[in-house]
Amino acid sequence: MVRTVRSIEEEARVRRVAGVGLDRYLSRADFLDAVDGRVLRDLREWASEGVRRVLVVGLEDHGGVALSMAAAGLFVTVVDPDEAVVAAVRGKAEAEKCALRMNFYSSDYMQKEFTSSGFDLAVFLSALSRYNEPLVVVRKAARELRAGGRFFGRIRVRPPLPGPGAWLDRVPLGRAWRARARAAASRVALLERWMAIPDAGGFLAGLSDVLKVDRVERVHLAAPLLAAVGLDLPGEATRAATVRALKVLAEAEDRVLSRATPARFLASYLVVFATKELGLGKTFRR
C-alpha cells in the first residue's frame, strides 16, 4: 500500500468524536479480565507466532496489553493522546524492566505517521470506537503493517437499521423521505449518537476490502454496561462481587452469542482478527 493524495485527504477528515464511554472499565485489570479475558488470551496467543514489532493504539487499558507483550519479548510502540496516561505506562514499563523494548508517543494516532510495512501486528483494543470513520483508521494501520502482518480490532457496533430503507430508495420520493427521517433523528441527541455507531455488517464489509478477515466474534450484550456501573460502586467487597458477576455474565453471553440465534444481531461489540495480504486493500474509498 502507498499513500496517495486521496488517502491523505480522507485521513484529514478523521476526528476523535467519542470518549471512552462504556469502555472505561478497561482501566481496571480485574474488570477487563472478567469481561474480555478470553479474547485477550486469544490475542496474546495469536501474537506469539511470527510477531516481533507491535503497534498498540490507545491505552484505555492503562497499558495492560502493551506491557504484557513487551514482557514477552516483543518490541512495542504505543500511541495515545493522553500525556498523563502515556507517562504512567512508561513508568510501569521502567518498573517492570521492559521500557527498552517500548516506544511511547503522546499523539492522536491519525496525526502520527509511521513507516509503511513497519509492524507485524496492530492492536486496537478500544481506539476504533473513538473515531468518526474507523475504516479510514484501519486503512492507515494496514499501510503500516508488513505483508502478512496481523490486525486485531475491537469496536462498538450497532445492529443494522430495521425497516424499509432498501426498498424506499426504489420508490418515487422514497430517498427524500428517508433523508428527512434521518434529519429528524439527528435532532434527538441520544438517537444521533446511536446512529453514529457503525453497524456490524457495514463495518465488516468495508474491513474485508482492506484486510483478510480470519476470525470475527460478536461479543457482549450487557457485560460492558454492568462493568461501567460497577466501577462507581463503593467498597472493594462490592467491586469484587461485581467482578464475580461479570465473569458469570460474560460466560453466559459467550454461550448465547456463539449460536446462530437472533441475539447475535444485538451484540454490542465486534472482535476482529485479520491479516494483510498482498493485492488486497484500498487506501481510500472509491
C-alpha atoms as a PDB file:
ATOM      1  CA  MET A   1       0.000   0.000   0.000  1.00  0.00           C
ATOM      2  CA  VAL A   2       1.203   3.503  -0.797  1.00  0.00           C
ATOM      3  CA  ARG A   3      -0.078   6.803   0.461  1.00  0.00           C
ATOM      4  CA  THR A   4      -1.988   8.735  -2.182  1.00  0.00           C
ATOM      5  CA  VAL A   5      -3.397  12.242  -2.390  1.00  0.00           C
ATOM      6  CA  ARG A   6      -6.874  10.811  -1.893  1.00  0.00           C
ATOM      7  CA  SER A   7      -5.827   8.812   1.157  1.00  0.00           C
ATOM      8  CA  ILE A   8      -4.239  11.950   2.638  1.00  0.00           C
ATOM      9  CA  GLU A   9      -7.477  13.864   2.072  1.00  0.00           C
ATOM     10  CA  GLU A  10      -9.514  11.021   3.526  1.00  0.00           C
ATOM     11  CA  GLU A  11      -7.378  10.777   6.659  1.00  0.00           C
ATOM     12  CA  ALA A  12      -7.659  14.552   7.145  1.00  0.00           C
ATOM     13  CA  ARG A  13     -11.421  14.105   7.677  1.00  0.00           C
ATOM     14  CA  VAL A  14     -10.970  11.686  10.572  1.00  0.00           C
ATOM     15  CA  ARG A  15     -11.636  13.036  14.051  1.00  0.00           C
ATOM     16  CA  ARG A  16     -11.882  11.648  17.551  1.00  0.00           C
ATOM     17  CA  VAL A  17     -15.563  12.203  18.241  1.00  0.00           C
ATOM     18  CA  ALA A  18     -16.292   9.939  21.219  1.00  0.00           C
ATOM     19  CA  GLY A  19     -14.943   9.497  24.702  1.00  0.00           C
ATOM     20  CA  VAL A  20     -14.159   6.227  26.426  1.00  0.00           C
ATOM     21  CA  GLY A  21     -17.819   5.715  27.387  1.00  0.00           C
ATOM     22  CA  LEU A  22     -18.655   2.190  28.496  1.00  0.00           C
ATOM     23  CA  ASP A  23     -15.069   1.140  27.790  1.00  0.00           C
ATOM     24  CA  ARG A  24     -13.860   2.898  30.922  1.00  0.00           C
ATOM     25  CA  TYR A  25     -13.969  -0.480  32.667  1.00  0.00           C
ATOM     26  CA  LEU A  26     -10.906  -1.440  30.610  1.00  0.00           C
ATOM     27  CA  SER A  27      -8.786   0.614  33.006  1.00  0.00           C
ATOM     28  CA  ARG A  28      -9.304  -1.954  35.786  1.00  0.00           C
ATOM     29  CA  ALA A  29      -7.421  -5.176  35.146  1.00  0.00           C
ATOM     30  CA  ASP A  30      -9.859  -7.333  37.143  1.00  0.00           C
ATOM     31  CA  PHE A  31     -12.907  -5.969  35.292  1.00  0.00           C
ATOM     32  CA  LEU A  32     -11.138  -6.302  31.933  1.00  0.00           C
ATOM     33  CA  ASP A  33     -10.166  -9.898  32.639  1.00  0.00           C
ATOM     34  CA  ALA A  34     -13.706 -10.765  33.735  1.00  0.00           C
ATOM     35  CA  VAL A  35     -15.340  -9.305  30.613  1.00  0.00           C
ATOM     36  CA  ASP A  36     -12.712  -9.731  27.874  1.00  0.00           C
ATOM     37  CA  GLY A  37     -10.160 -12.110  29.357  1.00  0.00           C
ATOM     38  CA  ARG A  38     -10.809 -14.922  26.880  1.00  0.00           C
ATOM     39  CA  VAL A  39     -10.417 -12.630  23.876  1.00  0.00           C
ATOM     40  CA  LEU A  40      -7.206 -11.115  25.251  1.00  0.00           C
ATOM     41  CA  ARG A  41      -5.739 -14.554  25.887  1.00  0.00           C
ATOM     42  CA  ASP A  42      -6.508 -15.420  22.266  1.00  0.00           C
ATOM     43  CA  LEU A  43      -4.798 -12.183  21.186  1.00  0.00           C
ATOM     44  CA  ARG A  44      -1.642 -12.969  23.161  1.00  0.00           C
ATOM     45  CA  GLU A  45      -1.521 -16.473  21.710  1.00  0.00           C
ATOM     46  CA  TRP A  46      -2.059 -15.068  18.212  1.00  0.00           C
ATOM     47  CA  ALA A  47       0.821 -12.634  18.787  1.00  0.00           C
ATOM     48  CA  SER A  48       3.203 -15.370  19.910  1.00  0.00           C
ATOM     49  CA  GLU A  49       3.990 -16.615  16.394  1.00  0.00           C
ATOM     50  CA  GLY A  50       5.767 -14.581  13.722  1.00  0.00           C
ATOM     51  CA  VAL A  51       5.350 -11.265  15.542  1.00  0.00           C
ATOM     52  CA  ARG A  52       8.234  -9.073  16.663  1.00  0.00           C
ATOM     53  CA  ARG A  53       7.106  -5.441  16.210  1.00  0.00           C
ATOM     54  CA  VAL A  54       3.745  -4.427  17.667  1.00  0.00           C
ATOM     55  CA  LEU A  55       1.746  -1.209  17.327  1.00  0.00           C
ATOM     56  CA  VAL A  56      -0.703  -0.603  20.171  1.00  0.00           C
ATOM     57  CA  VAL A  57      -3.132   2.250  19.524  1.00  0.00           C
ATOM     58  CA  GLY A  58      -4.875   3.552  22.635  1.00  0.00           C
ATOM     59  CA  LEU A  59      -4.167   2.968  26.316  1.00  0.00           C
ATOM     60  CA  GLU A  60      -7.717   2.617  27.589  1.00  0.00           C
ATOM     61  CA  ASP A  61      -6.483  -0.449  29.491  1.00  0.00           C
ATOM     62  CA  HIS A  62      -3.682   1.649  31.054  1.00  0.00           C
ATOM     63  CA  GLY A  63      -1.098  -0.330  29.156  1.00  0.00           C
ATOM     64  CA  GLY A  64      -2.083  -3.855  30.142  1.00  0.00           C
ATOM     65  CA  VAL A  65      -1.853  -5.330  26.630  1.00  0.00           C
ATOM     66  CA  ALA A  66       1.247  -3.345  25.631  1.00  0.00           C
ATOM     67  CA  LEU A  67       3.161  -4.192  28.800  1.00  0.00           C
ATOM     68  CA  SER A  68       2.314  -7.895  28.614  1.00  0.00           C
ATOM     69  CA  MET A  69       3.604  -8.054  25.040  1.00  0.00           C
ATOM     70  CA  ALA A  70       6.781  -6.183  25.906  1.00  0.00           C
ATOM     71  CA  ALA A  71       7.309  -8.522  28.868  1.00  0.00           C
ATOM     72  CA  ALA A  72       7.026 -11.429  26.400  1.00  0.00           C
ATOM     73  CA  GLY A  73       9.993 -10.026  24.455  1.00  0.00           C
ATOM     74  CA  LEU A  74       8.180  -8.128  21.694  1.00  0.00           C
ATOM     75  CA  PHE A  75       9.085  -4.583  20.623  1.00  0.00           C
ATOM     76  CA  VAL A  76       6.024  -2.425  21.262  1.00  0.00           C
ATOM     77  CA  THR A  77       5.149   1.058  20.002  1.00  0.00           C
ATOM     78  CA  VAL A  78       2.383   2.806  21.945  1.00  0.00           C
ATOM     79  CA  VAL A  79       0.300   5.766  20.730  1.00  0.00           C
ATOM     80  CA  ASP A  80      -2.238   7.653  22.863  1.00  0.00           C
ATOM     81  CA  PRO A  81      -3.144  11.357  23.001  1.00  0.00           C
ATOM     82  CA  ASP A  82      -3.320  11.458  26.822  1.00  0.00           C
ATOM     83  CA  GLU A  83       0.129  12.532  28.018  1.00  0.00           C
ATOM     84  CA  ALA A  84      -0.591  11.611  31.633  1.00  0.00           C
ATOM     85  CA  VAL A  85      -1.617   8.058  30.752  1.00  0.00           C
ATOM     86  CA  VAL A  86       1.389   7.616  28.478  1.00  0.00           C
ATOM     87  CA  ALA A  87       3.698   8.836  31.264  1.00  0.00           C
ATOM     88  CA  ALA A  88       2.080   6.435  33.738  1.00  0.00           C
ATOM     89  CA  VAL A  89       2.522   3.467  31.389  1.00  0.00           C
ATOM     90  CA  ARG A  90       6.126   4.472  30.734  1.00  0.00           C
ATOM     91  CA  GLY A  91       6.675   4.417  34.500  1.00  0.00           C
ATOM     92  CA  LYS A  92       5.179   0.930  34.741  1.00  0.00           C
ATOM     93  CA  ALA A  93       7.422  -0.238  31.889  1.00  0.00           C
ATOM     94  CA  GLU A  94      10.501   1.071  33.674  1.00  0.00           C
ATOM     95  CA  ALA A  95       9.429  -0.621  36.903  1.00  0.00           C
ATOM     96  CA  GLU A  96       8.861  -3.901  35.062  1.00  0.00           C
ATOM     97  CA  LYS A  97      12.227  -3.639  33.245  1.00  0.00           C
ATOM     98  CA  CYS A  98      10.742  -3.678  29.746  1.00  0.00           C
ATOM     99  CA  ALA A  99      10.938   0.022  28.813  1.00  0.00           C
ATOM    100  CA  LEU A 100      13.882  -0.583  26.467  1.00  0.00           C
ATOM    101  CA  ARG A 101      11.568  -2.625  24.229  1.00  0.00           C
ATOM    102  CA  MET A 102       8.910   0.102  24.091  1.00  0.00           C
ATOM    103  CA  ASN A 103       8.433   3.399  22.242  1.00  0.00           C
ATOM    104  CA  PHE A 104       5.898   5.909  23.542  1.00  0.00           C
ATOM    105  CA  TYR A 105       4.099   8.646  21.618  1.00  0.00           C
ATOM    106  CA  SER A 106       1.692  11.158  23.150  1.00  0.00           C
ATOM    107  CA  SER A 107      -0.289  11.810  19.991  1.00  0.00           C
ATOM    108  CA  ASP A 108      -3.526  11.181  18.180  1.00  0.00           C
ATOM    109  CA  TYR A 109      -2.796   8.122  16.057  1.00  0.00           C
ATOM    110  CA  MET A 110      -4.154   9.803  12.916  1.00  0.00           C
ATOM    111  CA  GLN A 111      -1.678  12.650  13.389  1.00  0.00           C
ATOM    112  CA  LYS A 112       1.312  10.321  13.753  1.00  0.00           C
ATOM    113  CA  GLU A 113       2.761   8.800  10.603  1.00  0.00           C
ATOM    114  CA  PHE A 114       4.715   5.561  10.866  1.00  0.00           C
ATOM    115  CA  THR A 115       6.861   3.810   8.271  1.00  0.00           C
ATOM    116  CA  SER A 116       4.955   1.709   5.763  1.00  0.00           C
ATOM    117  CA  SER A 117       5.257  -2.023   6.484  1.00  0.00           C
ATOM    118  CA  GLY A 118       6.905  -1.253   9.812  1.00  0.00           C
ATOM    119  CA  PHE A 119       4.842  -3.509  12.099  1.00  0.00           C
ATOM    120  CA  ASP A 120       3.933  -7.178  12.376  1.00  0.00           C
ATOM    121  CA  LEU A 121       0.810  -6.612  14.489  1.00  0.00           C
ATOM    122  CA  ALA A 122      -1.524  -3.676  15.119  1.00  0.00           C
ATOM    123  CA  VAL A 123      -3.783  -3.729  18.192  1.00  0.00           C
ATOM    124  CA  PHE A 124      -6.873  -1.532  18.617  1.00  0.00           C
ATOM    125  CA  LEU A 125      -8.487  -2.594  21.887  1.00  0.00           C
ATOM    126  CA  SER A 126     -10.857   0.355  22.036  1.00  0.00           C
ATOM    127  CA  ALA A 127      -9.489   3.196  19.900  1.00  0.00           C
ATOM    128  CA  LEU A 128     -11.523   2.415  16.757  1.00  0.00           C
ATOM    129  CA  SER A 129     -14.694   3.388  18.612  1.00  0.00           C
ATOM    130  CA  ARG A 130     -13.318   6.882  19.252  1.00  0.00           C
ATOM    131  CA  TYR A 131     -13.209   7.895  15.568  1.00  0.00           C
ATOM    132  CA  ASN A 132     -15.874   9.138  13.167  1.00  0.00           C
ATOM    133  CA  GLU A 133     -14.503   6.991  10.314  1.00  0.00           C
ATOM    134  CA  PRO A 134     -12.990   3.816  11.792  1.00  0.00           C
ATOM    135  CA  LEU A 135     -12.432   2.183   8.409  1.00  0.00           C
ATOM    136  CA  VAL A 136     -10.098   5.001   7.411  1.00  0.00           C
ATOM    137  CA  VAL A 137      -8.168   4.303  10.619  1.00  0.00           C
ATOM    138  CA  VAL A 138      -7.977   0.632   9.609  1.00  0.00           C
ATOM    139  CA  ARG A 139      -6.631   1.562   6.175  1.00  0.00           C
ATOM    140  CA  LYS A 140      -3.870   3.625   7.770  1.00  0.00           C
ATOM    141  CA  ALA A 141      -2.973   0.708  10.058  1.00  0.00           C
ATOM    142  CA  ALA A 142      -2.930  -1.668   7.068  1.00  0.00           C
ATOM    143  CA  ARG A 143      -0.444   0.597   5.305  1.00  0.00           C
ATOM    144  CA  GLU A 144       1.834   0.415   8.346  1.00  0.00           C
ATOM    145  CA  LEU A 145       1.664  -3.399   8.556  1.00  0.00           C
ATOM    146  CA  ARG A 146       4.030  -5.607   6.588  1.00  0.00           C
ATOM    147  CA  ALA A 147       2.612  -8.118   4.112  1.00  0.00           C
ATOM    148  CA  GLY A 148       1.334 -10.973   6.244  1.00  0.00           C
ATOM    149  CA  GLY A 149       1.064  -8.647   9.232  1.00  0.00           C
ATOM    150  CA  ARG A 150      -1.804  -9.075  11.665  1.00  0.00           C
ATOM    151  CA  PHE A 151      -4.573  -6.781  12.837  1.00  0.00           C
ATOM    152  CA  PHE A 152      -6.658  -7.028  15.999  1.00  0.00           C
ATOM    153  CA  GLY A 153      -9.623  -4.724  16.425  1.00  0.00           C
ATOM    154  CA  ARG A 154     -12.384  -4.463  18.973  1.00  0.00           C
ATOM    155  CA  ILE A 155     -15.113  -1.952  18.139  1.00  0.00           C
ATOM    156  CA  ARG A 156     -18.522  -0.986  19.428  1.00  0.00           C
ATOM    157  CA  VAL A 157     -21.245  -1.630  16.839  1.00  0.00           C
ATOM    158  CA  ARG A 158     -24.998  -1.461  16.455  1.00  0.00           C
ATOM    159  CA  PRO A 159     -27.360  -3.755  14.584  1.00  0.00           C
ATOM    160  CA  PRO A 160     -28.288  -2.744  11.027  1.00  0.00           C
ATOM    161  CA  LEU A 161     -31.293  -0.464  10.981  1.00  0.00           C
ATOM    162  CA  PRO A 162     -34.514  -2.446  10.584  1.00  0.00           C
ATOM    163  CA  GLY A 163     -37.273  -1.349   8.294  1.00  0.00           C
ATOM    164  CA  PRO A 164     -37.881  -0.427   4.686  1.00  0.00           C
ATOM    165  CA  GLY A 165     -34.692   1.521   3.952  1.00  0.00           C
ATOM    166  CA  ALA A 166     -33.636  -0.587   0.981  1.00  0.00           C
ATOM    167  CA  TRP A 167     -36.949  -0.575  -0.878  1.00  0.00           C
ATOM    168  CA  LEU A 168     -37.677   3.071  -0.042  1.00  0.00           C
ATOM    169  CA  ASP A 169     -34.843   4.059  -2.346  1.00  0.00           C
ATOM    170  CA  ARG A 170     -36.679   2.417  -5.256  1.00  0.00           C
ATOM    171  CA  VAL A 171     -39.939   4.273  -4.620  1.00  0.00           C
ATOM    172  CA  PRO A 172     -40.527   7.749  -6.108  1.00  0.00           C
ATOM    173  CA  LEU A 173     -39.599  10.305  -3.422  1.00  0.00           C
ATOM    174  CA  GLY A 174     -38.528   7.393  -1.179  1.00  0.00           C
ATOM    175  CA  ARG A 175     -34.945   8.571  -0.956  1.00  0.00           C
ATOM    176  CA  ALA A 176     -36.137  12.041   0.057  1.00  0.00           C
ATOM    177  CA  TRP A 177     -38.412  10.587   2.766  1.00  0.00           C
ATOM    178  CA  ARG A 178     -35.530   8.554   4.115  1.00  0.00           C
ATOM    179  CA  ALA A 179     -33.264  11.618   4.192  1.00  0.00           C
ATOM    180  CA  ARG A 180     -35.918  13.587   6.090  1.00  0.00           C
ATOM    181  CA  ALA A 181     -36.289  10.775   8.614  1.00  0.00           C
ATOM    182  CA  ARG A 182     -32.545  10.756   9.209  1.00  0.00           C
ATOM    183  CA  ALA A 183     -32.520  14.540   9.552  1.00  0.00           C
ATOM    184  CA  ALA A 184     -35.295  14.337  12.147  1.00  0.00           C
ATOM    185  CA  ALA A 185     -33.424  11.624  14.031  1.00  0.00           C
ATOM    186  CA  SER A 186     -30.294  13.784  14.107  1.00  0.00           C
ATOM    187  CA  ARG A 187     -32.167  16.345  16.215  1.00  0.00           C
ATOM    188  CA  VAL A 188     -32.521  13.817  19.037  1.00  0.00           C
ATOM    189  CA  ALA A 189     -29.114  13.744  20.710  1.00  0.00           C
ATOM    190  CA  LEU A 190     -29.289  10.183  22.044  1.00  0.00           C
ATOM    191  CA  LEU A 191     -30.534   8.780  18.736  1.00  0.00           C
ATOM    192  CA  GLU A 192     -27.917  10.761  16.839  1.00  0.00           C
ATOM    193  CA  ARG A 193     -25.127   9.265  18.961  1.00  0.00           C
ATOM    194  CA  TRP A 194     -26.540   5.774  18.432  1.00  0.00           C
ATOM    195  CA  MET A 195     -26.735   6.324  14.672  1.00  0.00           C
ATOM    196  CA  ALA A 196     -23.081   7.409  14.669  1.00  0.00           C
ATOM    197  CA  ILE A 197     -22.024   3.952  15.879  1.00  0.00           C
ATOM    198  CA  PRO A 198     -21.113   1.791  12.841  1.00  0.00           C
ATOM    199  CA  ASP A 199     -23.391  -1.119  12.055  1.00  0.00           C
ATOM    200  CA  ALA A 200     -21.706  -4.507  12.281  1.00  0.00           C
ATOM    201  CA  GLY A 201     -22.386  -5.635   8.704  1.00  0.00           C
ATOM    202  CA  GLY A 202     -21.256  -2.397   7.109  1.00  0.00           C
ATOM    203  CA  PHE A 203     -18.046  -2.289   9.109  1.00  0.00           C
ATOM    204  CA  LEU A 204     -17.159  -5.890   8.250  1.00  0.00           C
ATOM    205  CA  ALA A 205     -17.898  -5.339   4.560  1.00  0.00           C
ATOM    206  CA  GLY A 206     -15.556  -2.350   4.485  1.00  0.00           C
ATOM    207  CA  LEU A 207     -12.901  -4.130   6.509  1.00  0.00           C
ATOM    208  CA  SER A 208     -12.829  -7.076   4.111  1.00  0.00           C
ATOM    209  CA  ASP A 209     -11.841  -4.657   1.315  1.00  0.00           C
ATOM    210  CA  VAL A 210      -8.703  -3.811   3.265  1.00  0.00           C
ATOM    211  CA  LEU A 211      -7.678  -6.958   5.130  1.00  0.00           C
ATOM    212  CA  LYS A 212      -8.296 -10.681   5.003  1.00  0.00           C
ATOM    213  CA  VAL A 213     -10.645 -11.357   7.893  1.00  0.00           C
ATOM    214  CA  ASP A 214      -9.506 -14.525   9.660  1.00  0.00           C
ATOM    215  CA  ARG A 215     -11.946 -14.548  12.541  1.00  0.00           C
ATOM    216  CA  VAL A 216     -14.876 -12.455  13.733  1.00  0.00           C
ATOM    217  CA  GLU A 217     -16.707 -12.633  17.022  1.00  0.00           C
ATOM    218  CA  ARG A 218     -19.813 -10.788  18.091  1.00  0.00           C
ATOM    219  CA  VAL A 219     -19.401 -10.184  21.802  1.00  0.00           C
ATOM    220  CA  HIS A 220     -21.275  -8.659  24.724  1.00  0.00           C
ATOM    221  CA  LEU A 221     -24.883  -7.847  25.348  1.00  0.00           C
ATOM    222  CA  ALA A 222     -24.881  -6.282  28.812  1.00  0.00           C
ATOM    223  CA  ALA A 223     -21.481  -7.033  30.390  1.00  0.00           C
ATOM    224  CA  PRO A 224     -19.839  -3.671  29.486  1.00  0.00           C
ATOM    225  CA  LEU A 225     -22.798  -1.787  30.933  1.00  0.00           C
ATOM    226  CA  LEU A 226     -22.651  -3.742  34.191  1.00  0.00           C
ATOM    227  CA  ALA A 227     -18.877  -3.232  34.329  1.00  0.00           C
ATOM    228  CA  ALA A 228     -19.187   0.529  33.824  1.00  0.00           C
ATOM    229  CA  VAL A 229     -21.813   0.744  36.578  1.00  0.00           C
ATOM    230  CA  GLY A 230     -19.726  -1.473  38.855  1.00  0.00           C
ATOM    231  CA  LEU A 231     -16.805   0.943  38.693  1.00  0.00           C
ATOM    232  CA  ASP A 232     -18.841   3.509  40.626  1.00  0.00           C
ATOM    233  CA  LEU A 233     -19.978   1.173  43.398  1.00  0.00           C
ATOM    234  CA  PRO A 234     -18.362   1.901  46.783  1.00  0.00           C
ATOM    235  CA  GLY A 235     -16.137  -0.581  48.564  1.00  0.00           C
ATOM    236  CA  GLU A 236     -13.736  -3.250  47.374  1.00  0.00           C
ATOM    237  CA  ALA A 237     -16.045  -6.043  48.555  1.00  0.00           C
ATOM    238  CA  THR A 238     -18.818  -4.720  46.321  1.00  0.00           C
ATOM    239  CA  ARG A 239     -16.466  -4.430  43.356  1.00  0.00           C
ATOM    240  CA  ALA A 240     -15.164  -7.946  43.969  1.00  0.00           C
ATOM    241  CA  ALA A 241     -18.752  -9.218  43.885  1.00  0.00           C
ATOM    242  CA  THR A 242     -19.256  -7.286  40.650  1.00  0.00           C
ATOM    243  CA  VAL A 243     -16.216  -8.995  39.114  1.00  0.00           C
ATOM    244  CA  ARG A 244     -17.628 -12.417  40.001  1.00  0.00           C
ATOM    245  CA  ALA A 245     -20.984 -11.456  38.479  1.00  0.00           C
ATOM    246  CA  LEU A 246     -19.249 -10.169  35.355  1.00  0.00           C
ATOM    247  CA  LYS A 247     -17.464 -13.486  34.826  1.00  0.00           C
ATOM    248  CA  VAL A 248     -20.742 -15.366  35.026  1.00  0.00           C
ATOM    249  CA  LEU A 249     -22.479 -12.908  32.716  1.00  0.00           C
ATOM    250  CA  ALA A 250     -19.650 -12.878  30.164  1.00  0.00           C
ATOM    251  CA  GLU A 251     -19.591 -16.689  30.014  1.00  0.00           C
ATOM    252  CA  ALA A 252     -23.375 -16.764  29.549  1.00  0.00           C
ATOM    253  CA  GLU A 253     -23.150 -14.169  26.779  1.00  0.00           C
ATOM    254  CA  ASP A 254     -20.443 -16.200  25.039  1.00  0.00           C
ATOM    255  CA  ARG A 255     -22.706 -19.261  25.021  1.00  0.00           C
ATOM    256  CA  VAL A 256     -25.666 -17.308  23.672  1.00  0.00           C
ATOM    257  CA  LEU A 257     -23.716 -15.363  21.038  1.00  0.00           C
ATOM    258  CA  SER A 258     -21.801 -18.414  19.801  1.00  0.00           C
ATOM    259  CA  ARG A 259     -25.036 -19.835  18.458  1.00  0.00           C
ATOM    260  CA  ALA A 260     -26.819 -18.704  15.316  1.00  0.00           C
ATOM    261  CA  THR A 261     -29.642 -17.014  17.205  1.00  0.00           C
ATOM    262  CA  PRO A 262     -31.290 -13.602  16.760  1.00  0.00           C
ATOM    263  CA  ALA A 263     -29.410 -12.464  19.876  1.00  0.00           C
ATOM    264  CA  ARG A 264     -26.201 -12.320  17.802  1.00  0.00           C
ATOM    265  CA  PHE A 265     -27.545  -9.287  15.983  1.00  0.00           C
ATOM    266  CA  LEU A 266     -27.871  -7.468  19.321  1.00  0.00           C
ATOM    267  CA  ALA A 267     -24.175  -7.901  20.182  1.00  0.00           C
ATOM    268  CA  SER A 268     -22.702  -4.537  21.116  1.00  0.00           C
ATOM    269  CA  TYR A 269     -19.094  -5.224  20.042  1.00  0.00           C
ATOM    270  CA  LEU A 270     -17.186  -6.887  17.236  1.00  0.00           C
ATOM    271  CA  VAL A 271     -13.796  -8.512  17.743  1.00  0.00           C
ATOM    272  CA  VAL A 272     -11.805  -8.993  14.546  1.00  0.00           C
ATOM    273  CA  PHE A 273      -8.598 -10.911  13.831  1.00  0.00           C
ATOM    274  CA  ALA A 274      -7.340 -10.117  10.316  1.00  0.00           C
ATOM    275  CA  THR A 275      -4.265 -10.356   8.091  1.00  0.00           C
ATOM    276  CA  LYS A 276      -2.761  -8.039   5.490  1.00  0.00           C
ATOM    277  CA  GLU A 277      -2.404  -9.841   2.187  1.00  0.00           C
ATOM    278  CA  LEU A 278      -0.599  -8.725  -0.949  1.00  0.00           C
ATOM    279  CA  GLY A 279      -3.022  -7.488  -3.577  1.00  0.00           C
ATOM    280  CA  LEU A 280      -5.775  -6.800  -1.040  1.00  0.00           C
ATOM    281  CA  GLY A 281      -6.505  -3.428   0.383  1.00  0.00           C
ATOM    282  CA  LYS A 282      -7.625   0.045  -0.610  1.00  0.00           C
ATOM    283  CA  THR A 283      -6.005   3.113   0.864  1.00  0.00           C
ATOM    284  CA  PHE A 284      -9.018   5.292   0.061  1.00  0.00           C
ATOM    285  CA  ARG A 285     -12.732   4.910  -0.520  1.00  0.00           C
ATOM    286  CA  ARG A 286     -13.672   4.556  -4.178  1.00  0.00           C
END
